[in-house]
Amino acid sequence: MHNEMKKTCVPNGIALKDTGFGYTLSIIGGKYKMIILYWLSENEVMRFNEIKRNIASIPFKTLSVMLKQMEADGIVIRREYPEIPPKVEYSLSERGRSLLPILDMMCDWGEINHNTEV
């Protein structure tokens, strides 16, 4: 598609943060949010320590902050059970699942391009 025919995602004179593209980046941007989305999409429901085991490089505090942000953004559902010890499960909300086609497209792009010389 030629650039003159393509709809621009960030029109001239508009700050990136004020666009749909900027909003999407604010929801899924950062080092770990996409990985958390991936694991929740693969497993449907996960406990905190399961997520931590699958993302070994993420510090506990960072995972906690990311999950709280994603819950505040309506991407993740946190369900707490009144048990001792406390049991908390995380899953994707309907809004979170609506991001899965983006993950699928990124996966497809990576499969096509990861061995391509530039």
PDB file of N, CA and C in Angstrom:
ATOM      1  N   MET A   1       0.848  -1.172   0.000  1.00  0.00           N
ATOM      2  CA  MET A   1       0.000   0.000   0.000  1.00  0.00           C
ATOM      3  C   MET A   1       0.893   1.236   0.000  1.00  0.00           C
ATOM      4  N   HIS A   2       0.603   2.181  -0.842  1.00  0.00           N
ATOM      5  CA  HIS A   2       1.385   3.408  -0.899  1.00  0.00           C
ATOM      6  C   HIS A   2       1.056   4.286   0.299  1.00  0.00           C
ATOM      7  N   ASN A   3       2.068   5.065   0.749  1.00  0.00           N
ATOM      8  CA  ASN A   3       1.879   5.917   1.917  1.00  0.00           C
ATOM      9  C   ASN A   3       0.760   6.926   1.730  1.00  0.00           C
ATOM     10  N   GLU A   4       0.583   7.454   0.514  1.00  0.00           N
ATOM     11  CA  GLU A   4      -0.451   8.458   0.313  1.00  0.00           C
ATOM     12  C   GLU A   4      -1.851   7.857   0.401  1.00  0.00           C
ATOM     13  N   MET A   5      -1.968   6.547   0.222  1.00  0.00           N
ATOM     14  CA  MET A   5      -3.254   5.878   0.311  1.00  0.00           C
ATOM     15  C   MET A   5      -3.521   5.369   1.730  1.00  0.00           C
ATOM     16  N   LYS A   6      -2.484   5.205   2.513  1.00  0.00           N
ATOM     17  CA  LYS A   6      -2.598   4.633   3.844  1.00  0.00           C
ATOM     18  C   LYS A   6      -3.072   5.677   4.851  1.00  0.00           C
ATOM     19  N   LYS A   7      -4.024   5.269   5.695  1.00  0.00           N
ATOM     20  CA  LYS A   7      -4.487   6.142   6.761  1.00  0.00           C
ATOM     21  C   LYS A   7      -3.375   6.269   7.790  1.00  0.00           C
ATOM     22  N   THR A   8      -3.047   7.472   8.183  1.00  0.00           N
ATOM     23  CA  THR A   8      -1.995   7.660   9.162  1.00  0.00           C
ATOM     24  C   THR A   8      -2.547   7.449  10.568  1.00  0.00           C
ATOM     25  N   CYS A   9      -1.782   6.786  11.372  1.00  0.00           N
ATOM     26  CA  CYS A   9      -2.193   6.485  12.740  1.00  0.00           C
ATOM     27  C   CYS A   9      -1.914   7.667  13.670  1.00  0.00           C
ATOM     28  N   VAL A  10      -0.913   8.466  13.303  1.00  0.00           N
ATOM     29  CA  VAL A  10      -0.562   9.631  14.104  1.00  0.00           C
ATOM     30  C   VAL A  10      -0.553  10.850  13.182  1.00  0.00           C
ATOM     31  N   PRO A  11      -1.702  11.510  13.036  1.00  0.00           N
ATOM     32  CA  PRO A  11      -1.766  12.679  12.150  1.00  0.00           C
ATOM     33  C   PRO A  11      -0.820  13.792  12.598  1.00  0.00           C
ATOM     34  N   ASN A  12      -0.355  14.579  11.638  1.00  0.00           N
ATOM     35  CA  ASN A  12       0.522  15.713  11.954  1.00  0.00           C
ATOM     36  C   ASN A  12      -0.170  16.643  12.946  1.00  0.00           C
ATOM     37  N   GLY A  13       0.606  17.146  13.884  1.00  0.00           N
ATOM     38  CA  GLY A  13       0.074  18.110  14.845  1.00  0.00           C
ATOM     39  C   GLY A  13      -0.619  17.480  16.044  1.00  0.00           C
ATOM     40  N   ILE A  14      -0.717  16.158  16.078  1.00  0.00           N
ATOM     41  CA  ILE A  14      -1.363  15.482  17.212  1.00  0.00           C
ATOM     42  C   ILE A  14      -0.278  14.724  17.977  1.00  0.00           C
ATOM     43  N   ALA A  15      -0.265  14.900  19.284  1.00  0.00           N
ATOM     44  CA  ALA A  15       0.718  14.186  20.114  1.00  0.00           C
ATOM     45  C   ALA A  15       0.418  12.694  20.068  1.00  0.00           C
ATOM     46  N   LEU A  16       1.463  11.887  20.006  1.00  0.00           N
ATOM     47  CA  LEU A  16       1.318  10.436  19.951  1.00  0.00           C
ATOM     48  C   LEU A  16       0.418   9.922  21.067  1.00  0.00           C
ATOM     49  N   LYS A  17       0.579  10.449  22.278  1.00  0.00           N
ATOM     50  CA  LYS A  17      -0.197   9.977  23.426  1.00  0.00           C
ATOM     51  C   LYS A  17      -1.692  10.235  23.263  1.00  0.00           C
ATOM     52  N   ASP A  18      -2.061  11.149  22.377  1.00  0.00           N
ATOM     53  CA  ASP A  18      -3.464  11.495  22.168  1.00  0.00           C
ATOM     54  C   ASP A  18      -4.108  10.720  21.027  1.00  0.00           C
ATOM     55  N   THR A  19      -3.421   9.714  20.513  1.00  0.00           N
ATOM     56  CA  THR A  19      -3.946   8.922  19.400  1.00  0.00           C
ATOM     57  C   THR A  19      -4.308   7.515  19.870  1.00  0.00           C
ATOM     58  N   GLY A  20      -5.046   6.808  19.049  1.00  0.00           N
ATOM     59  CA  GLY A  20      -5.352   5.414  19.348  1.00  0.00           C
ATOM     60  C   GLY A  20      -4.098   4.576  19.449  1.00  0.00           C
ATOM     61  N   PHE A  21      -3.133   4.856  18.592  1.00  0.00           N
ATOM     62  CA  PHE A  21      -1.862   4.139  18.620  1.00  0.00           C
ATOM     63  C   PHE A  21      -1.152   4.365  19.956  1.00  0.00           C
ATOM     64  N   GLY A  22      -1.100   5.605  20.390  1.00  0.00           N
ATOM     65  CA  GLY A  22      -0.473   5.940  21.661  1.00  0.00           C
ATOM     66  C   GLY A  22      -1.184   5.283  22.829  1.00  0.00           C
ATOM     67  N   TYR A  23      -2.514   5.265  22.767  1.00  0.00           N
ATOM     68  CA  TYR A  23      -3.284   4.611  23.831  1.00  0.00           C
ATOM     69  C   TYR A  23      -2.967   3.122  23.889  1.00  0.00           C
ATOM     70  N   THR A  24      -2.946   2.474  22.724  1.00  0.00           N
ATOM     71  CA  THR A  24      -2.637   1.043  22.685  1.00  0.00           C
ATOM     72  C   THR A  24      -1.256   0.778  23.258  1.00  0.00           C
ATOM     73  N   LEU A  25      -0.278   1.595  22.894  1.00  0.00           N
ATOM     74  CA  LEU A  25       1.075   1.441  23.449  1.00  0.00           C
ATOM     75  C   LEU A  25       1.080   1.601  24.962  1.00  0.00           C
ATOM     76  N   SER A  26       0.269   2.510  25.482  1.00  0.00           N
ATOM     77  CA  SER A  26       0.234   2.709  26.933  1.00  0.00           C
ATOM     78  C   SER A  26      -0.338   1.489  27.648  1.00  0.00           C
ATOM     79  N   ILE A  27      -1.194   0.739  26.985  1.00  0.00           N
ATOM     80  CA  ILE A  27      -1.819  -0.443  27.581  1.00  0.00           C
ATOM     81  C   ILE A  27      -0.898  -1.661  27.490  1.00  0.00           C
ATOM     82  N   ILE A  28      -0.229  -1.851  26.355  1.00  0.00           N
ATOM     83  CA  ILE A  28       0.554  -3.080  26.151  1.00  0.00           C
ATOM     84  C   ILE A  28       2.055  -2.840  26.105  1.00  0.00           C
ATOM     85  N   GLY A  29       2.477  -1.582  26.223  1.00  0.00           N
ATOM     86  CA  GLY A  29       3.899  -1.267  26.131  1.00  0.00           C
ATOM     87  C   GLY A  29       4.664  -1.686  27.375  1.00  0.00           C
ATOM     88  N   GLY A  30       5.944  -1.634  27.279  1.00  0.00           N
ATOM     89  CA  GLY A  30       6.796  -2.024  28.399  1.00  0.00           C
ATOM     90  C   GLY A  30       7.400  -3.385  28.155  1.00  0.00           C
ATOM     91  N   LYS A  31       8.275  -3.764  29.051  1.00  0.00           N
ATOM     92  CA  LYS A  31       9.066  -4.971  28.864  1.00  0.00           C
ATOM     93  C   LYS A  31       8.265  -6.252  29.077  1.00  0.00           C
ATOM     94  N   TYR A  32       7.225  -6.233  29.933  1.00  0.00           N
ATOM     95  CA  TYR A  32       6.605  -7.480  30.336  1.00  0.00           C
ATOM     96  C   TYR A  32       5.118  -7.644  29.996  1.00  0.00           C
ATOM     97  N   LYS A  33       4.406  -6.582  29.703  1.00  0.00           N
ATOM     98  CA  LYS A  33       2.953  -6.703  29.528  1.00  0.00           C
ATOM     99  C   LYS A  33       2.566  -7.655  28.392  1.00  0.00           C
ATOM    100  N   MET A  34       3.273  -7.594  27.294  1.00  0.00           N
ATOM    101  CA  MET A  34       2.956  -8.492  26.174  1.00  0.00           C
ATOM    102  C   MET A  34       3.226  -9.949  26.558  1.00  0.00           C
ATOM    103  N   ILE A  35       4.259 -10.189  27.349  1.00  0.00           N
ATOM    104  CA  ILE A  35       4.583 -11.548  27.775  1.00  0.00           C
ATOM    105  C   ILE A  35       3.508 -12.059  28.742  1.00  0.00           C
ATOM    106  N   ILE A  36       3.057 -11.192  29.642  1.00  0.00           N
ATOM    107  CA  ILE A  36       1.971 -11.568  30.553  1.00  0.00           C
ATOM    108  C   ILE A  36       0.714 -11.887  29.744  1.00  0.00           C
ATOM    109  N   LEU A  37       0.397 -11.046  28.762  1.00  0.00           N
ATOM    110  CA  LEU A  37      -0.748 -11.311  27.884  1.00  0.00           C
ATOM    111  C   LEU A  37      -0.607 -12.669  27.210  1.00  0.00           C
ATOM    112  N   TYR A  38       0.577 -12.946  26.713  1.00  0.00           N
ATOM    113  CA  TYR A  38       0.816 -14.219  26.043  1.00  0.00           C
ATOM    114  C   TYR A  38       0.519 -15.391  26.974  1.00  0.00           C
ATOM    115  N   TRP A  39       1.102 -15.387  28.180  1.00  0.00           N
ATOM    116  CA  TRP A  39       0.925 -16.520  29.086  1.00  0.00           C
ATOM    117  C   TRP A  39      -0.522 -16.667  29.525  1.00  0.00           C
ATOM    118  N   LEU A  40      -1.211 -15.551  29.761  1.00  0.00           N
ATOM    119  CA  LEU A  40      -2.625 -15.644  30.140  1.00  0.00           C
ATOM    120  C   LEU A  40      -3.482 -16.135  28.982  1.00  0.00           C
ATOM    121  N   SER A  41      -3.091 -15.800  27.760  1.00  0.00           N
ATOM    122  CA  SER A  41      -3.856 -16.290  26.601  1.00  0.00           C
ATOM    123  C   SER A  41      -3.639 -17.786  26.408  1.00  0.00           C
ATOM    124  N   GLU A  42      -2.463 -18.278  26.750  1.00  0.00           N
ATOM    125  CA  GLU A  42      -2.145 -19.695  26.601  1.00  0.00           C
ATOM    126  C   GLU A  42      -2.762 -20.550  27.711  1.00  0.00           C
ATOM    127  N   ASN A  43      -2.953 -19.975  28.890  1.00  0.00           N
ATOM    128  CA  ASN A  43      -3.365 -20.750  30.058  1.00  0.00           C
ATOM    129  C   ASN A  43      -4.729 -20.378  30.624  1.00  0.00           C
ATOM    130  N   GLU A  44      -5.342 -19.357  30.117  1.00  0.00           N
ATOM    131  CA  GLU A  44      -6.659 -18.875  30.544  1.00  0.00           C
ATOM    132  C   GLU A  44      -6.681 -18.364  31.978  1.00  0.00           C
ATOM    133  N   VAL A  45      -6.331 -19.195  32.959  1.00  0.00           N
ATOM    134  CA  VAL A  45      -6.307 -18.769  34.360  1.00  0.00           C
ATOM    135  C   VAL A  45      -4.959 -19.168  34.953  1.00  0.00           C
ATOM    136  N   MET A  46      -4.332 -18.208  35.627  1.00  0.00           N
ATOM    137  CA  MET A  46      -3.029 -18.495  36.239  1.00  0.00           C
ATOM    138  C   MET A  46      -2.943 -17.816  37.596  1.00  0.00           C
ATOM    139  N   ARG A  47      -2.207 -18.457  38.484  1.00  0.00           N
ATOM    140  CA  ARG A  47      -1.897 -17.841  39.766  1.00  0.00           C
ATOM    141  C   ARG A  47      -0.599 -17.052  39.613  1.00  0.00           C
ATOM    142  N   PHE A  48      -0.382 -16.129  40.558  1.00  0.00           N
ATOM    143  CA  PHE A  48       0.770 -15.237  40.504  1.00  0.00           C
ATOM    144  C   PHE A  48       2.070 -16.023  40.314  1.00  0.00           C
ATOM    145  N   ASN A  49       2.292 -17.045  41.139  1.00  0.00           N
ATOM    146  CA  ASN A  49       3.553 -17.790  41.064  1.00  0.00           C
ATOM    147  C   ASN A  49       3.706 -18.557  39.757  1.00  0.00           C
ATOM    148  N   GLU A  50       2.599 -18.965  39.142  1.00  0.00           N
ATOM    149  CA  GLU A  50       2.678 -19.622  37.830  1.00  0.00           C
ATOM    150  C   GLU A  50       3.174 -18.642  36.778  1.00  0.00           C
ATOM    151  N   ILE A  51       2.643 -17.430  36.827  1.00  0.00           N
ATOM    152  CA  ILE A  51       3.099 -16.397  35.883  1.00  0.00           C
ATOM    153  C   ILE A  51       4.579 -16.126  36.123  1.00  0.00           C
ATOM    154  N   LYS A  52       4.956 -15.980  37.385  1.00  0.00           N
ATOM    155  CA  LYS A  52       6.359 -15.706  37.740  1.00  0.00           C
ATOM    156  C   LYS A  52       7.273 -16.813  37.232  1.00  0.00           C
ATOM    157  N   ARG A  53       6.869 -18.070  37.374  1.00  0.00           N
ATOM    158  CA  ARG A  53       7.695 -19.186  36.895  1.00  0.00           C
ATOM    159  C   ARG A  53       7.884 -19.128  35.383  1.00  0.00           C
ATOM    160  N   ASN A  54       6.857 -18.729  34.666  1.00  0.00           N
ATOM    161  CA  ASN A  54       6.934 -18.674  33.204  1.00  0.00           C
ATOM    162  C   ASN A  54       7.713 -17.469  32.697  1.00  0.00           C
ATOM    163  N   ILE A  55       7.828 -16.441  33.513  1.00  0.00           N
ATOM    164  CA  ILE A  55       8.610 -15.247  33.143  1.00  0.00           C
ATOM    165  C   ILE A  55       9.704 -15.115  34.198  1.00  0.00           C
ATOM    166  N   ALA A  56      10.654 -15.996  34.146  1.00  0.00           N
ATOM    167  CA  ALA A  56      11.675 -16.093  35.194  1.00  0.00           C
ATOM    168  C   ALA A  56      12.419 -14.784  35.426  1.00  0.00           C
ATOM    169  N   SER A  57      12.582 -13.984  34.385  1.00  0.00           N
ATOM    170  CA  SER A  57      13.391 -12.770  34.509  1.00  0.00           C
ATOM    171  C   SER A  57      12.649 -11.616  35.187  1.00  0.00           C
ATOM    172  N   ILE A  58      11.346 -11.736  35.413  1.00  0.00           N
ATOM    173  CA  ILE A  58      10.588 -10.622  35.982  1.00  0.00           C
ATOM    174  C   ILE A  58      10.690 -10.646  37.512  1.00  0.00           C
ATOM    175  N   PRO A  59      11.071  -9.520  38.103  1.00  0.00           N
ATOM    176  CA  PRO A  59      11.084  -9.446  39.566  1.00  0.00           C
ATOM    177  C   PRO A  59       9.643  -9.513  40.123  1.00  0.00           C
ATOM    178  N   PHE A  60       9.480 -10.054  41.333  1.00  0.00           N
ATOM    179  CA  PHE A  60       8.155 -10.178  41.943  1.00  0.00           C
ATOM    180  C   PHE A  60       7.426  -8.845  41.989  1.00  0.00           C
ATOM    181  N   LYS A  61       8.124  -7.800  42.433  1.00  0.00           N
ATOM    182  CA  LYS A  61       7.486  -6.480  42.556  1.00  0.00           C
ATOM    183  C   LYS A  61       7.033  -5.972  41.194  1.00  0.00           C
ATOM    184  N   THR A  62       7.845  -6.158  40.176  1.00  0.00           N
ATOM    185  CA  THR A  62       7.474  -5.708  38.829  1.00  0.00           C
ATOM    186  C   THR A  62       6.252  -6.458  38.333  1.00  0.00           C
ATOM    187  N   LEU A  63       6.205  -7.765  38.549  1.00  0.00           N
ATOM    188  CA  LEU A  63       5.033  -8.535  38.137  1.00  0.00           C
ATOM    189  C   LEU A  63       3.793  -8.033  38.851  1.00  0.00           C
ATOM    190  N   SER A  64       3.904  -7.780  40.128  1.00  0.00           N
ATOM    191  CA  SER A  64       2.777  -7.269  40.901  1.00  0.00           C
ATOM    192  C   SER A  64       2.287  -5.930  40.347  1.00  0.00           C
ATOM    193  N   VAL A  65       3.221  -5.029  40.055  1.00  0.00           N
ATOM    194  CA  VAL A  65       2.870  -3.708  39.502  1.00  0.00           C
ATOM    195  C   VAL A  65       2.216  -3.850  38.124  1.00  0.00           C
ATOM    196  N   MET A  66       2.796  -4.698  37.265  1.00  0.00           N
ATOM    197  CA  MET A  66       2.251  -4.897  35.919  1.00  0.00           C
ATOM    198  C   MET A  66       0.818  -5.446  35.988  1.00  0.00           C
ATOM    199  N   LEU A  67       0.598  -6.443  36.833  1.00  0.00           N
ATOM    200  CA  LEU A  67      -0.742  -7.025  36.960  1.00  0.00           C
ATOM    201  C   LEU A  67      -1.749  -5.995  37.487  1.00  0.00           C
ATOM    202  N   LYS A  68      -1.318  -5.174  38.446  1.00  0.00           N
ATOM    203  CA  LYS A  68      -2.207  -4.122  38.967  1.00  0.00           C
ATOM    204  C   LYS A  68      -2.541  -3.110  37.881  1.00  0.00           C
ATOM    205  N   GLN A  69      -1.555  -2.719  37.076  1.00  0.00           N
ATOM    206  CA  GLN A  69      -1.800  -1.784  35.975  1.00  0.00           C
ATOM    207  C   GLN A  69      -2.753  -2.393  34.957  1.00  0.00           C
ATOM    208  N   MET A  70      -2.515  -3.658  34.627  1.00  0.00           N
ATOM    209  CA  MET A  70      -3.346  -4.325  33.623  1.00  0.00           C
ATOM    210  C   MET A  70      -4.769  -4.526  34.144  1.00  0.00           C
ATOM    211  N   GLU A  71      -4.904  -4.746  35.430  1.00  0.00           N
ATOM    212  CA  GLU A  71      -6.239  -4.844  36.020  1.00  0.00           C
ATOM    213  C   GLU A  71      -6.929  -3.480  35.976  1.00  0.00           C
ATOM    214  N   ALA A  72      -6.209  -2.417  36.331  1.00  0.00           N
ATOM    215  CA  ALA A  72      -6.765  -1.057  36.290  1.00  0.00           C
ATOM    216  C   ALA A  72      -7.179  -0.659  34.874  1.00  0.00           C
ATOM    217  N   ASP A  73      -6.455  -1.158  33.877  1.00  0.00           N
ATOM    218  CA  ASP A  73      -6.763  -0.866  32.468  1.00  0.00           C
ATOM    219  C   ASP A  73      -7.874  -1.763  31.912  1.00  0.00           C
ATOM    220  N   GLY A  74      -8.351  -2.690  32.728  1.00  0.00           N
ATOM    221  CA  GLY A  74      -9.438  -3.565  32.286  1.00  0.00           C
ATOM    222  C   GLY A  74      -8.988  -4.696  31.376  1.00  0.00           C
ATOM    223  N   ILE A  75      -7.704  -5.027  31.394  1.00  0.00           N
ATOM    224  CA  ILE A  75      -7.147  -6.069  30.533  1.00  0.00           C
ATOM    225  C   ILE A  75      -7.128  -7.415  31.261  1.00  0.00           C
ATOM    226  N   VAL A  76      -6.892  -7.373  32.563  1.00  0.00           N
ATOM    227  CA  VAL A  76      -6.766  -8.575  33.381  1.00  0.00           C
ATOM    228  C   VAL A  76      -7.833  -8.558  34.472  1.00  0.00           C
ATOM    229  N   ILE A  77      -8.359  -9.727  34.754  1.00  0.00           N
ATOM    230  CA  ILE A  77      -9.288  -9.897  35.867  1.00  0.00           C
ATOM    231  C   ILE A  77      -8.540 -10.591  36.993  1.00  0.00           C
ATOM    232  N   ARG A  78      -8.629 -10.017  38.171  1.00  0.00           N
ATOM    233  CA  ARG A  78      -8.012 -10.595  39.374  1.00  0.00           C
ATOM    234  C   ARG A  78      -9.133 -11.135  40.236  1.00  0.00           C
ATOM    235  N   ARG A  79      -9.055 -12.413  40.548  1.00  0.00           N
ATOM    236  CA  ARG A  79     -10.086 -13.029  41.371  1.00  0.00           C
ATOM    237  C   ARG A  79      -9.440 -13.586  42.638  1.00  0.00           C
ATOM    238  N   GLU A  80      -9.902 -13.071  43.762  1.00  0.00           N
ATOM    239  CA  GLU A  80      -9.351 -13.479  45.051  1.00  0.00           C
ATOM    240  C   GLU A  80     -10.359 -14.374  45.759  1.00  0.00           C
ATOM    241  N   TYR A  81      -9.866 -15.489  46.267  1.00  0.00           N
ATOM    242  CA  TYR A  81     -10.708 -16.441  46.993  1.00  0.00           C
ATOM    243  C   TYR A  81     -10.443 -16.292  48.486  1.00  0.00           C
ATOM    244  N   PRO A  82     -11.498 -16.251  49.293  1.00  0.00           N
ATOM    245  CA  PRO A  82     -11.321 -16.081  50.742  1.00  0.00           C
ATOM    246  C   PRO A  82     -10.863 -17.378  51.408  1.00  0.00           C
ATOM    247  N   GLU A  83      -9.601 -17.706  51.220  1.00  0.00           N
ATOM    248  CA  GLU A  83      -9.011 -18.919  51.775  1.00  0.00           C
ATOM    249  C   GLU A  83      -7.753 -18.556  52.540  1.00  0.00           C
ATOM    250  N   ILE A  84      -7.297 -19.494  53.331  1.00  0.00           N
ATOM    251  CA  ILE A  84      -6.006 -19.333  53.997  1.00  0.00           C
ATOM    252  C   ILE A  84      -5.167 -20.543  53.613  1.00  0.00           C
ATOM    253  N   PRO A  85      -4.016 -20.371  52.969  1.00  0.00           N
ATOM    254  CA  PRO A  85      -3.476 -19.087  52.508  1.00  0.00           C
ATOM    255  C   PRO A  85      -4.313 -18.517  51.367  1.00  0.00           C
ATOM    256  N   PRO A  86      -4.215 -17.198  51.155  1.00  0.00           N
ATOM    257  CA  PRO A  86      -5.021 -16.565  50.109  1.00  0.00           C
ATOM    258  C   PRO A  86      -4.735 -17.159  48.732  1.00  0.00           C
ATOM    259  N   LYS A  87      -5.776 -17.302  47.957  1.00  0.00           N
ATOM    260  CA  LYS A  87      -5.641 -17.799  46.588  1.00  0.00           C
ATOM    261  C   LYS A  87      -6.122 -16.701  45.652  1.00  0.00           C
ATOM    262  N   VAL A  88      -5.246 -16.312  44.712  1.00  0.00           N
ATOM    263  CA  VAL A  88      -5.579 -15.270  43.740  1.00  0.00           C
ATOM    264  C   VAL A  88      -5.299 -15.818  42.354  1.00  0.00           C
ATOM    265  N   GLU A  89      -6.258 -15.646  41.463  1.00  0.00           N
ATOM    266  CA  GLU A  89      -6.097 -16.089  40.078  1.00  0.00           C
ATOM    267  C   GLU A  89      -6.251 -14.897  39.140  1.00  0.00           C
ATOM    268  N   TYR A  90      -5.529 -14.973  38.032  1.00  0.00           N
ATOM    269  CA  TYR A  90      -5.577 -13.931  37.008  1.00  0.00           C
ATOM    270  C   TYR A  90      -6.024 -14.541  35.697  1.00  0.00           C
ATOM    271  N   SER A  91      -6.814 -13.780  34.958  1.00  0.00           N
ATOM    272  CA  SER A  91      -7.249 -14.206  33.629  1.00  0.00           C
ATOM    273  C   SER A  91      -7.430 -12.954  32.779  1.00  0.00           C
ATOM    274  N   LEU A  92      -7.538 -13.149  31.473  1.00  0.00           N
ATOM    275  CA  LEU A  92      -7.792 -12.021  30.585  1.00  0.00           C
ATOM    276  C   LEU A  92      -9.273 -11.682  30.609  1.00  0.00           C
ATOM    277  N   SER A  93      -9.559 -10.404  30.624  1.00  0.00           N
ATOM    278  CA  SER A  93     -10.938  -9.938  30.488  1.00  0.00           C
ATOM    279  C   SER A  93     -11.327 -10.021  29.014  1.00  0.00           C
ATOM    280  N   GLU A  94     -12.563  -9.743  28.718  1.00  0.00           N
ATOM    281  CA  GLU A  94     -12.992  -9.691  27.319  1.00  0.00           C
ATOM    282  C   GLU A  94     -12.167  -8.632  26.572  1.00  0.00           C
ATOM    283  N   ARG A  95     -11.930  -7.519  27.240  1.00  0.00           N
ATOM    284  CA  ARG A  95     -11.115  -6.450  26.648  1.00  0.00           C
ATOM    285  C   ARG A  95      -9.685  -6.944  26.401  1.00  0.00           C
ATOM    286  N   GLY A  96      -9.139  -7.693  27.336  1.00  0.00           N
ATOM    287  CA  GLY A  96      -7.809  -8.263  27.175  1.00  0.00           C
ATOM    288  C   GLY A  96      -7.763  -9.253  26.027  1.00  0.00           C
ATOM    289  N   ARG A  97      -8.787 -10.091  25.916  1.00  0.00           N
ATOM    290  CA  ARG A  97      -8.835 -11.057  24.808  1.00  0.00           C
ATOM    291  C   ARG A  97      -8.951 -10.354  23.460  1.00  0.00           C
ATOM    292  N   SER A  98      -9.507  -9.149  23.452  1.00  0.00           N
ATOM    293  CA  SER A  98      -9.607  -8.417  22.180  1.00  0.00           C
ATOM    294  C   SER A  98      -8.235  -8.006  21.652  1.00  0.00           C
ATOM    295  N   LEU A  99      -7.193  -8.086  22.490  1.00  0.00           N
ATOM    296  CA  LEU A  99      -5.827  -7.784  22.053  1.00  0.00           C
ATOM    297  C   LEU A  99      -5.145  -8.984  21.402  1.00  0.00           C
ATOM    298  N   LEU A 100      -5.724 -10.169  21.527  1.00  0.00           N
ATOM    299  CA  LEU A 100      -5.067 -11.376  21.021  1.00  0.00           C
ATOM    300  C   LEU A 100      -4.813 -11.358  19.520  1.00  0.00           C
ATOM    301  N   PRO A 101      -5.690 -10.785  18.684  1.00  0.00           N
ATOM    302  CA  PRO A 101      -5.337 -10.700  17.257  1.00  0.00           C
ATOM    303  C   PRO A 101      -4.049  -9.902  17.008  1.00  0.00           C
ATOM    304  N   ILE A 102      -3.771  -8.919  17.848  1.00  0.00           N
ATOM    305  CA  ILE A 102      -2.521  -8.165  17.710  1.00  0.00           C
ATOM    306  C   ILE A 102      -1.339  -9.091  18.010  1.00  0.00           C
ATOM    307  N   LEU A 103      -1.452  -9.892  19.070  1.00  0.00           N
ATOM    308  CA  LEU A 103      -0.380 -10.853  19.390  1.00  0.00           C
ATOM    309  C   LEU A 103      -0.198 -11.850  18.252  1.00  0.00           C
ATOM    310  N   ASP A 104      -1.318 -12.321  17.690  1.00  0.00           N
ATOM    311  CA  ASP A 104      -1.241 -13.270  16.578  1.00  0.00           C
ATOM    312  C   ASP A 104      -0.532 -12.663  15.377  1.00  0.00           C
ATOM    313  N   MET A 105      -0.840 -11.408  15.067  1.00  0.00           N
ATOM    314  CA  MET A 105      -0.181 -10.750  13.931  1.00  0.00           C
ATOM    315  C   MET A 105       1.308 -10.565  14.191  1.00  0.00           C
ATOM    316  N   MET A 106       1.670 -10.251  15.435  1.00  0.00           N
ATOM    317  CA  MET A 106       3.087 -10.113  15.776  1.00  0.00           C
ATOM    318  C   MET A 106       3.797 -11.451  15.641  1.00  0.00           C
ATOM    319  N   CYS A 107       3.143 -12.515  16.054  1.00  0.00           N
ATOM    320  CA  CYS A 107       3.714 -13.858  15.917  1.00  0.00           C
ATOM    321  C   CYS A 107       3.930 -14.192  14.441  1.00  0.00           C
ATOM    322  N   ASP A 108       2.914 -13.940  13.624  1.00  0.00           N
ATOM    323  CA  ASP A 108       3.014 -14.208  12.186  1.00  0.00           C
ATOM    324  C   ASP A 108       4.154 -13.404  11.566  1.00  0.00           C
ATOM    325  N   TRP A 109       4.245 -12.130  11.909  1.00  0.00           N
ATOM    326  CA  TRP A 109       5.291 -11.282  11.357  1.00  0.00           C
ATOM    327  C   TRP A 109       6.668 -11.830  11.755  1.00  0.00           C
ATOM    328  N   GLY A 110       6.808 -12.221  13.019  1.00  0.00           N
ATOM    329  CA  GLY A 110       8.080 -12.765  13.481  1.00  0.00           C
ATOM    330  C   GLY A 110       8.457 -14.051  12.774  1.00  0.00           C
ATOM    331  N   GLU A 111       7.475 -14.933  12.540  1.00  0.00           N
ATOM    332  CA  GLU A 111       7.744 -16.185  11.837  1.00  0.00           C
ATOM    333  C   GLU A 111       8.221 -15.919  10.411  1.00  0.00           C
ATOM    334  N   ILE A 112       7.649 -14.939   9.777  1.00  0.00           N
ATOM    335  CA  ILE A 112       8.008 -14.604   8.388  1.00  0.00           C
ATOM    336  C   ILE A 112       9.376 -13.928   8.329  1.00  0.00           C
ATOM    337  N   ASN A 113       9.656 -13.068   9.293  1.00  0.00           N
ATOM    338  CA  ASN A 113      10.814 -12.197   9.193  1.00  0.00           C
ATOM    339  C   ASN A 113      12.028 -12.533  10.066  1.00  0.00           C
ATOM    340  N   HIS A 114      11.939 -13.474  10.979  1.00  0.00           N
ATOM    341  CA  HIS A 114      13.042 -13.669  11.909  1.00  0.00           C
ATOM    342  C   HIS A 114      14.310 -14.206  11.270  1.00  0.00           C
ATOM    343  N   ASN A 115      14.234 -14.861  10.156  1.00  0.00           N
ATOM    344  CA  ASN A 115      15.445 -15.353   9.475  1.00  0.00           C
ATOM    345  C   ASN A 115      15.747 -14.573   8.200  1.00  0.00           C
ATOM    346  N   THR A 116      15.043 -13.483   7.984  1.00  0.00           N
ATOM    347  CA  THR A 116      15.234 -12.682   6.782  1.00  0.00           C
ATOM    348  C   THR A 116      16.403 -11.728   6.955  1.00  0.00           C
ATOM    349  N   GLU A 117      17.300 -11.736   5.990  1.00  0.00           N
ATOM    350  CA  GLU A 117      18.419 -10.788   6.045  1.00  0.00           C
ATOM    351  C   GLU A 117      17.916  -9.407   5.653  1.00  0.00           C
ATOM    352  N   VAL A 118      18.471  -8.404   6.276  1.00  0.00           N
ATOM    353  CA  VAL A 118      18.085  -7.024   5.995  1.00  0.00           C
ATOM    354  C   VAL A 118      18.988  -6.442   4.939  1.00  0.00           C
TER     355      VAL A 118
END
